[in-house]
Amino acid sequence: MKTLYEILRESAELYSNFLELEYKKYEFIIKDDTLSLDETVAKEQAFYMKMRGLEQKRIAYIEKIGMKDKTLAEIIELSNETDKAILNEAYDELNRLITEVKKISDLCKLVIEVRLRRIDRAMNKLGHKENTYSNEDVKNNNTKSFLLSKKI
Protein backbone atom coordinates (compact mmCIF):
# COMPACT_ATOMS: atom_id res chain seq x y z
CA MET A 1 0.00 0.00 0.00
CA LYS A 2 2.78 2.37 -0.86
CA THR A 3 0.36 4.65 -2.71
CA LEU A 4 -1.76 5.21 0.39
CA TYR A 5 1.41 5.96 2.32
CA GLU A 6 2.43 8.53 -0.29
CA ILE A 7 -0.99 10.19 -0.13
CA LEU A 8 -0.78 10.36 3.67
CA ARG A 9 2.76 11.81 3.55
CA GLU A 10 1.72 14.37 0.94
CA SER A 11 -1.27 15.30 3.10
CA ALA A 12 0.95 15.65 6.17
CA GLU A 13 3.32 17.93 4.28
CA LEU A 14 0.41 20.04 3.07
CA TYR A 15 -1.04 20.32 6.58
CA SER A 16 2.39 21.20 7.95
CA ASN A 17 2.63 24.11 5.51
CA PHE A 18 -0.96 25.08 6.26
CA LEU A 19 -0.18 25.07 9.97
CA GLU A 20 2.62 27.59 9.39
CA LEU A 21 0.15 29.79 7.53
CA GLU A 22 -2.37 29.50 10.38
CA TYR A 23 0.24 30.64 12.88
CA LYS A 24 0.96 33.66 10.67
CA LYS A 25 -2.76 34.33 10.48
CA TYR A 26 -2.98 34.25 14.27
CA GLU A 27 -0.06 36.66 14.51
CA PHE A 28 -1.74 39.07 12.07
CA ILE A 29 -5.00 38.86 14.01
CA ILE A 30 -3.20 39.70 17.26
CA LYS A 31 -1.37 42.61 15.59
CA ASP A 32 -4.56 43.88 13.89
CA ASP A 33 -2.76 43.71 10.55
CA THR A 34 -5.80 43.43 8.29
CA LEU A 35 -3.88 43.78 5.03
CA SER A 36 -1.59 40.85 5.82
CA LEU A 37 -4.58 38.96 7.20
CA ASP A 38 -6.47 39.40 3.92
CA GLU A 39 -3.44 38.12 1.99
CA THR A 40 -3.17 35.12 4.31
CA VAL A 41 -6.85 34.29 3.96
CA ALA A 42 -6.44 34.39 0.16
CA LYS A 43 -3.52 31.95 0.44
CA GLU A 44 -5.67 29.66 2.58
CA GLN A 45 -8.01 29.16 -0.35
CA ALA A 46 -5.23 27.51 -2.36
CA PHE A 47 -4.55 25.16 0.54
CA TYR A 48 -8.20 24.23 0.79
CA MET A 49 -8.28 23.32 -2.89
CA LYS A 50 -5.14 21.19 -2.54
CA MET A 51 -6.62 19.48 0.52
CA ARG A 52 -9.78 18.69 -1.39
CA GLY A 53 -7.71 17.25 -4.25
CA LEU A 54 -5.72 15.02 -1.91
CA GLU A 55 -8.90 13.87 -0.21
CA GLN A 56 -10.33 12.92 -3.58
CA LYS A 57 -7.12 11.02 -4.42
CA ARG A 58 -7.34 9.13 -1.14
CA ILE A 59 -11.00 8.27 -1.65
CA ALA A 60 -10.34 7.10 -5.22
CA TYR A 61 -7.46 4.91 -4.06
CA ILE A 62 -9.49 3.38 -1.24
CA GLU A 63 -12.33 2.63 -3.66
CA LYS A 64 -9.81 1.11 -6.09
CA ILE A 65 -8.56 -1.35 -3.46
CA GLY A 66 -12.14 -2.29 -2.53
CA MET A 67 -12.26 -0.77 0.95
CA LYS A 68 -14.77 1.99 0.26
CA ASP A 69 -16.71 1.45 3.49
CA LYS A 70 -13.64 1.29 5.75
CA THR A 71 -12.11 4.10 7.74
CA LEU A 72 -8.44 4.91 7.32
CA ALA A 73 -7.71 3.38 10.72
CA GLU A 74 -9.52 0.17 9.72
CA ILE A 75 -7.59 -0.03 6.45
CA ILE A 76 -4.31 0.36 8.32
CA GLU A 77 -5.34 -2.32 10.80
CA LEU A 78 -6.10 -4.72 7.93
CA SER A 79 -2.71 -4.10 6.29
CA ASN A 80 0.23 -6.49 6.53
CA GLU A 81 2.72 -5.83 9.34
CA THR A 82 5.26 -4.00 7.18
CA ASP A 83 2.71 -1.65 5.67
CA LYS A 84 0.91 -1.24 9.00
CA ALA A 85 3.99 0.25 10.68
CA ILE A 86 4.67 2.89 8.03
CA LEU A 87 0.98 3.69 7.51
CA ASN A 88 0.47 4.11 11.26
CA GLU A 89 3.41 6.49 11.43
CA ALA A 90 2.07 8.61 8.56
CA TYR A 91 -1.48 8.48 9.95
CA ASP A 92 -0.34 9.58 13.43
CA GLU A 93 1.66 12.48 11.99
CA LEU A 94 -1.28 13.62 9.87
CA ASN A 95 -3.63 13.33 12.84
CA ARG A 96 -1.26 15.39 15.00
CA LEU A 97 -1.04 18.13 12.37
CA ILE A 98 -4.79 18.26 11.82
CA THR A 99 -5.35 18.53 15.58
CA GLU A 100 -2.83 21.38 15.78
CA VAL A 101 -4.45 23.19 12.84
CA LYS A 102 -7.82 22.90 14.56
CA LYS A 103 -6.41 24.32 17.80
CA ILE A 104 -4.86 27.39 16.17
CA SER A 105 -7.94 27.90 14.01
CA ASP A 106 -10.19 27.80 17.08
CA LEU A 107 -7.87 30.27 18.80
CA CYS A 108 -8.10 32.66 15.83
CA LYS A 109 -11.88 32.39 15.91
CA LEU A 110 -11.96 33.10 19.64
CA VAL A 111 -9.80 36.23 19.34
CA ILE A 112 -11.97 37.54 16.51
CA GLU A 113 -15.17 36.87 18.47
CA VAL A 114 -13.79 38.69 21.54
CA ARG A 115 -12.86 41.68 19.41
CA LEU A 116 -16.28 41.74 17.78
CA ARG A 117 -17.94 41.77 21.21
CA ARG A 118 -15.73 44.71 22.19
CA ILE A 119 -16.81 46.53 19.04
CA ASP A 120 -20.47 45.85 19.89
CA ARG A 121 -19.99 47.21 23.42
CA ALA A 122 -18.22 50.30 22.11
CA MET A 123 -20.98 50.87 19.55
CA ASN A 124 -23.62 50.52 22.28
CA LYS A 125 -21.79 53.07 24.44
CA LEU A 126 -21.80 55.45 21.50
CA GLY A 127 -25.58 55.16 21.35
CA HIS A 128 -25.94 52.58 18.59
CA LYS A 129 -29.02 50.52 19.43
CA GLU A 130 -28.46 47.24 17.53
CA ASN A 131 -25.57 44.84 17.79
CA THR A 132 -23.11 45.39 15.00
CA TYR A 133 -22.54 41.69 14.62
CA SER A 134 -25.17 39.58 16.34
CA ASN A 135 -25.23 35.80 16.67
CA GLU A 136 -28.30 35.66 14.42
CA ASP A 137 -26.40 37.53 11.72
CA VAL A 138 -23.52 35.07 12.00
CA LYS A 139 -25.89 32.12 11.60
CA ASN A 140 -27.52 33.69 8.55
CA ASN A 141 -24.17 34.93 7.18
CA ASN A 142 -25.74 38.38 7.11
CA THR A 143 -23.19 40.71 8.64
CA LYS A 144 -24.00 44.36 9.14
CA SER A 145 -20.49 45.57 9.81
CA PHE A 146 -17.55 45.85 7.49
CA LEU A 147 -15.03 46.44 10.25
CA LEU A 148 -13.25 43.18 9.40
CA SER A 149 -12.71 41.43 6.13
CA LYS A 150 -15.58 39.15 5.09
CA LYS A 151 -12.96 36.60 4.00
CA ILE A 152 -12.12 35.66 7.59
C-alpha atoms as a PDB file:
ATOM      1  CA  MET A   1       0.000   0.000   0.000  1.00  0.00           C
ATOM      2  CA  LYS A   2       2.778   2.371  -0.861  1.00  0.00           C
ATOM      3  CA  THR A   3       0.360   4.651  -2.714  1.00  0.00           C
ATOM      4  CA  LEU A   4      -1.760   5.211   0.389  1.00  0.00           C
ATOM      5  CA  TYR A   5       1.415   5.963   2.325  1.00  0.00           C
ATOM      6  CA  GLU A   6       2.430   8.526  -0.295  1.00  0.00           C
ATOM      7  CA  ILE A   7      -0.989  10.187  -0.132  1.00  0.00           C
ATOM      8  CA  LEU A   8      -0.781  10.360   3.671  1.00  0.00           C
ATOM      9  CA  ARG A   9       2.755  11.810   3.555  1.00  0.00           C
ATOM     10  CA  GLU A  10       1.720  14.368   0.945  1.00  0.00           C
ATOM     11  CA  SER A  11      -1.270  15.302   3.104  1.00  0.00           C
ATOM     12  CA  ALA A  12       0.955  15.645   6.173  1.00  0.00           C
ATOM     13  CA  GLU A  13       3.319  17.925   4.277  1.00  0.00           C
ATOM     14  CA  LEU A  14       0.408  20.042   3.070  1.00  0.00           C
ATOM     15  CA  TYR A  15      -1.043  20.322   6.578  1.00  0.00           C
ATOM     16  CA  SER A  16       2.385  21.199   7.955  1.00  0.00           C
ATOM     17  CA  ASN A  17       2.631  24.106   5.512  1.00  0.00           C
ATOM     18  CA  PHE A  18      -0.961  25.076   6.257  1.00  0.00           C
ATOM     19  CA  LEU A  19      -0.182  25.072   9.973  1.00  0.00           C
ATOM     20  CA  GLU A  20       2.615  27.587   9.390  1.00  0.00           C
ATOM     21  CA  LEU A  21       0.151  29.791   7.525  1.00  0.00           C
ATOM     22  CA  GLU A  22      -2.369  29.499  10.377  1.00  0.00           C
ATOM     23  CA  TYR A  23       0.244  30.644  12.884  1.00  0.00           C
ATOM     24  CA  LYS A  24       0.964  33.664  10.671  1.00  0.00           C
ATOM     25  CA  LYS A  25      -2.758  34.330  10.477  1.00  0.00           C
ATOM     26  CA  TYR A  26      -2.983  34.246  14.271  1.00  0.00           C
ATOM     27  CA  GLU A  27      -0.060  36.664  14.507  1.00  0.00           C
ATOM     28  CA  PHE A  28      -1.742  39.066  12.066  1.00  0.00           C
ATOM     29  CA  ILE A  29      -5.004  38.862  14.007  1.00  0.00           C
ATOM     30  CA  ILE A  30      -3.198  39.703  17.256  1.00  0.00           C
ATOM     31  CA  LYS A  31      -1.371  42.613  15.591  1.00  0.00           C
ATOM     32  CA  ASP A  32      -4.564  43.884  13.890  1.00  0.00           C
ATOM     33  CA  ASP A  33      -2.759  43.711  10.552  1.00  0.00           C
ATOM     34  CA  THR A  34      -5.799  43.430   8.291  1.00  0.00           C
ATOM     35  CA  LEU A  35      -3.883  43.781   5.026  1.00  0.00           C
ATOM     36  CA  SER A  36      -1.593  40.850   5.820  1.00  0.00           C
ATOM     37  CA  LEU A  37      -4.581  38.956   7.197  1.00  0.00           C
ATOM     38  CA  ASP A  38      -6.465  39.399   3.916  1.00  0.00           C
ATOM     39  CA  GLU A  39      -3.444  38.115   1.986  1.00  0.00           C
ATOM     40  CA  THR A  40      -3.170  35.120   4.314  1.00  0.00           C
ATOM     41  CA  VAL A  41      -6.852  34.286   3.957  1.00  0.00           C
ATOM     42  CA  ALA A  42      -6.438  34.395   0.165  1.00  0.00           C
ATOM     43  CA  LYS A  43      -3.515  31.954   0.444  1.00  0.00           C
ATOM     44  CA  GLU A  44      -5.672  29.661   2.581  1.00  0.00           C
ATOM     45  CA  GLN A  45      -8.014  29.164  -0.354  1.00  0.00           C
ATOM     46  CA  ALA A  46      -5.232  27.513  -2.361  1.00  0.00           C
ATOM     47  CA  PHE A  47      -4.546  25.158   0.539  1.00  0.00           C
ATOM     48  CA  TYR A  48      -8.204  24.229   0.794  1.00  0.00           C
ATOM     49  CA  MET A  49      -8.281  23.323  -2.890  1.00  0.00           C
ATOM     50  CA  LYS A  50      -5.135  21.187  -2.540  1.00  0.00           C
ATOM     51  CA  MET A  51      -6.621  19.480   0.519  1.00  0.00           C
ATOM     52  CA  ARG A  52      -9.784  18.694  -1.392  1.00  0.00           C
ATOM     53  CA  GLY A  53      -7.707  17.252  -4.252  1.00  0.00           C
ATOM     54  CA  LEU A  54      -5.719  15.015  -1.912  1.00  0.00           C
ATOM     55  CA  GLU A  55      -8.898  13.875  -0.209  1.00  0.00           C
ATOM     56  CA  GLN A  56     -10.335  12.922  -3.581  1.00  0.00           C
ATOM     57  CA  LYS A  57      -7.124  11.015  -4.419  1.00  0.00           C
ATOM     58  CA  ARG A  58      -7.338   9.130  -1.136  1.00  0.00           C
ATOM     59  CA  ILE A  59     -11.000   8.267  -1.654  1.00  0.00           C
ATOM     60  CA  ALA A  60     -10.339   7.105  -5.221  1.00  0.00           C
ATOM     61  CA  TYR A  61      -7.455   4.911  -4.062  1.00  0.00           C
ATOM     62  CA  ILE A  62      -9.491   3.385  -1.244  1.00  0.00           C
ATOM     63  CA  GLU A  63     -12.331   2.627  -3.664  1.00  0.00           C
ATOM     64  CA  LYS A  64      -9.815   1.113  -6.089  1.00  0.00           C
ATOM     65  CA  ILE A  65      -8.557  -1.350  -3.457  1.00  0.00           C
ATOM     66  CA  GLY A  66     -12.137  -2.288  -2.534  1.00  0.00           C
ATOM     67  CA  MET A  67     -12.261  -0.769   0.949  1.00  0.00           C
ATOM     68  CA  LYS A  68     -14.773   1.986   0.258  1.00  0.00           C
ATOM     69  CA  ASP A  69     -16.711   1.448   3.490  1.00  0.00           C
ATOM     70  CA  LYS A  70     -13.641   1.290   5.752  1.00  0.00           C
ATOM     71  CA  THR A  71     -12.107   4.105   7.740  1.00  0.00           C
ATOM     72  CA  LEU A  72      -8.443   4.906   7.320  1.00  0.00           C
ATOM     73  CA  ALA A  73      -7.715   3.385  10.721  1.00  0.00           C
ATOM     74  CA  GLU A  74      -9.523   0.173   9.723  1.00  0.00           C
ATOM     75  CA  ILE A  75      -7.591  -0.031   6.448  1.00  0.00           C
ATOM     76  CA  ILE A  76      -4.306   0.357   8.323  1.00  0.00           C
ATOM     77  CA  GLU A  77      -5.343  -2.322  10.800  1.00  0.00           C
ATOM     78  CA  LEU A  78      -6.103  -4.722   7.929  1.00  0.00           C
ATOM     79  CA  SER A  79      -2.706  -4.101   6.294  1.00  0.00           C
ATOM     80  CA  ASN A  80       0.233  -6.490   6.535  1.00  0.00           C
ATOM     81  CA  GLU A  81       2.725  -5.832   9.344  1.00  0.00           C
ATOM     82  CA  THR A  82       5.263  -4.004   7.175  1.00  0.00           C
ATOM     83  CA  ASP A  83       2.707  -1.647   5.667  1.00  0.00           C
ATOM     84  CA  LYS A  84       0.909  -1.244   8.997  1.00  0.00           C
ATOM     85  CA  ALA A  85       3.988   0.247  10.678  1.00  0.00           C
ATOM     86  CA  ILE A  86       4.669   2.889   8.030  1.00  0.00           C
ATOM     87  CA  LEU A  87       0.985   3.686   7.506  1.00  0.00           C
ATOM     88  CA  ASN A  88       0.470   4.109  11.261  1.00  0.00           C
ATOM     89  CA  GLU A  89       3.410   6.492  11.431  1.00  0.00           C
ATOM     90  CA  ALA A  90       2.067   8.612   8.556  1.00  0.00           C
ATOM     91  CA  TYR A  91      -1.483   8.477   9.951  1.00  0.00           C
ATOM     92  CA  ASP A  92      -0.337   9.575  13.427  1.00  0.00           C
ATOM     93  CA  GLU A  93       1.655  12.477  11.987  1.00  0.00           C
ATOM     94  CA  LEU A  94      -1.278  13.617   9.869  1.00  0.00           C
ATOM     95  CA  ASN A  95      -3.626  13.329  12.838  1.00  0.00           C
ATOM     96  CA  ARG A  96      -1.264  15.390  15.004  1.00  0.00           C
ATOM     97  CA  LEU A  97      -1.035  18.127  12.366  1.00  0.00           C
ATOM     98  CA  ILE A  98      -4.793  18.256  11.820  1.00  0.00           C
ATOM     99  CA  THR A  99      -5.346  18.533  15.576  1.00  0.00           C
ATOM    100  CA  GLU A 100      -2.829  21.381  15.782  1.00  0.00           C
ATOM    101  CA  VAL A 101      -4.446  23.188  12.838  1.00  0.00           C
ATOM    102  CA  LYS A 102      -7.822  22.898  14.558  1.00  0.00           C
ATOM    103  CA  LYS A 103      -6.415  24.320  17.801  1.00  0.00           C
ATOM    104  CA  ILE A 104      -4.858  27.390  16.166  1.00  0.00           C
ATOM    105  CA  SER A 105      -7.941  27.900  14.005  1.00  0.00           C
ATOM    106  CA  ASP A 106     -10.188  27.804  17.085  1.00  0.00           C
ATOM    107  CA  LEU A 107      -7.872  30.273  18.802  1.00  0.00           C
ATOM    108  CA  CYS A 108      -8.097  32.655  15.828  1.00  0.00           C
ATOM    109  CA  LYS A 109     -11.877  32.387  15.906  1.00  0.00           C
ATOM    110  CA  LEU A 110     -11.960  33.101  19.644  1.00  0.00           C
ATOM    111  CA  VAL A 111      -9.796  36.228  19.343  1.00  0.00           C
ATOM    112  CA  ILE A 112     -11.973  37.542  16.512  1.00  0.00           C
ATOM    113  CA  GLU A 113     -15.174  36.872  18.473  1.00  0.00           C
ATOM    114  CA  VAL A 114     -13.795  38.686  21.536  1.00  0.00           C
ATOM    115  CA  ARG A 115     -12.862  41.676  19.413  1.00  0.00           C
ATOM    116  CA  LEU A 116     -16.278  41.738  17.781  1.00  0.00           C
ATOM    117  CA  ARG A 117     -17.936  41.768  21.213  1.00  0.00           C
ATOM    118  CA  ARG A 118     -15.733  44.712  22.191  1.00  0.00           C
ATOM    119  CA  ILE A 119     -16.807  46.532  19.044  1.00  0.00           C
ATOM    120  CA  ASP A 120     -20.466  45.848  19.891  1.00  0.00           C
ATOM    121  CA  ARG A 121     -19.991  47.209  23.417  1.00  0.00           C
ATOM    122  CA  ALA A 122     -18.223  50.300  22.109  1.00  0.00           C
ATOM    123  CA  MET A 123     -20.979  50.875  19.546  1.00  0.00           C
ATOM    124  CA  ASN A 124     -23.619  50.515  22.284  1.00  0.00           C
ATOM    125  CA  LYS A 125     -21.788  53.069  24.438  1.00  0.00           C
ATOM    126  CA  LEU A 126     -21.803  55.451  21.500  1.00  0.00           C
ATOM    127  CA  GLY A 127     -25.582  55.156  21.352  1.00  0.00           C
ATOM    128  CA  HIS A 128     -25.936  52.583  18.590  1.00  0.00           C
ATOM    129  CA  LYS A 129     -29.015  50.519  19.426  1.00  0.00           C
ATOM    130  CA  GLU A 130     -28.464  47.244  17.527  1.00  0.00           C
ATOM    131  CA  ASN A 131     -25.568  44.837  17.786  1.00  0.00           C
ATOM    132  CA  THR A 132     -23.111  45.391  14.997  1.00  0.00           C
ATOM    133  CA  TYR A 133     -22.540  41.685  14.615  1.00  0.00           C
ATOM    134  CA  SER A 134     -25.170  39.583  16.342  1.00  0.00           C
ATOM    135  CA  ASN A 135     -25.229  35.800  16.666  1.00  0.00           C
ATOM    136  CA  GLU A 136     -28.299  35.656  14.416  1.00  0.00           C
ATOM    137  CA  ASP A 137     -26.397  37.534  11.719  1.00  0.00           C
ATOM    138  CA  VAL A 138     -23.524  35.070  11.996  1.00  0.00           C
ATOM    139  CA  LYS A 139     -25.891  32.117  11.600  1.00  0.00           C
ATOM    140  CA  ASN A 140     -27.516  33.689   8.547  1.00  0.00           C
ATOM    141  CA  ASN A 141     -24.171  34.927   7.176  1.00  0.00           C
ATOM    142  CA  ASN A 142     -25.737  38.380   7.108  1.00  0.00           C
ATOM    143  CA  THR A 143     -23.190  40.708   8.644  1.00  0.00           C
ATOM    144  CA  LYS A 144     -24.000  44.360   9.138  1.00  0.00           C
ATOM    145  CA  SER A 145     -20.492  45.569   9.815  1.00  0.00           C
ATOM    146  CA  PHE A 146     -17.545  45.847   7.486  1.00  0.00           C
ATOM    147  CA  LEU A 147     -15.025  46.437  10.252  1.00  0.00           C
ATOM    148  CA  LEU A 148     -13.248  43.175   9.403  1.00  0.00           C
ATOM    149  CA  SER A 149     -12.710  41.426   6.128  1.00  0.00           C
ATOM    150  CA  LYS A 150     -15.576  39.154   5.087  1.00  0.00           C
ATOM    151  CA  LYS A 151     -12.965  36.596   3.997  1.00  0.00           C
ATOM    152  CA  ILE A 152     -12.123  35.658   7.591  1.00  0.00           C
END
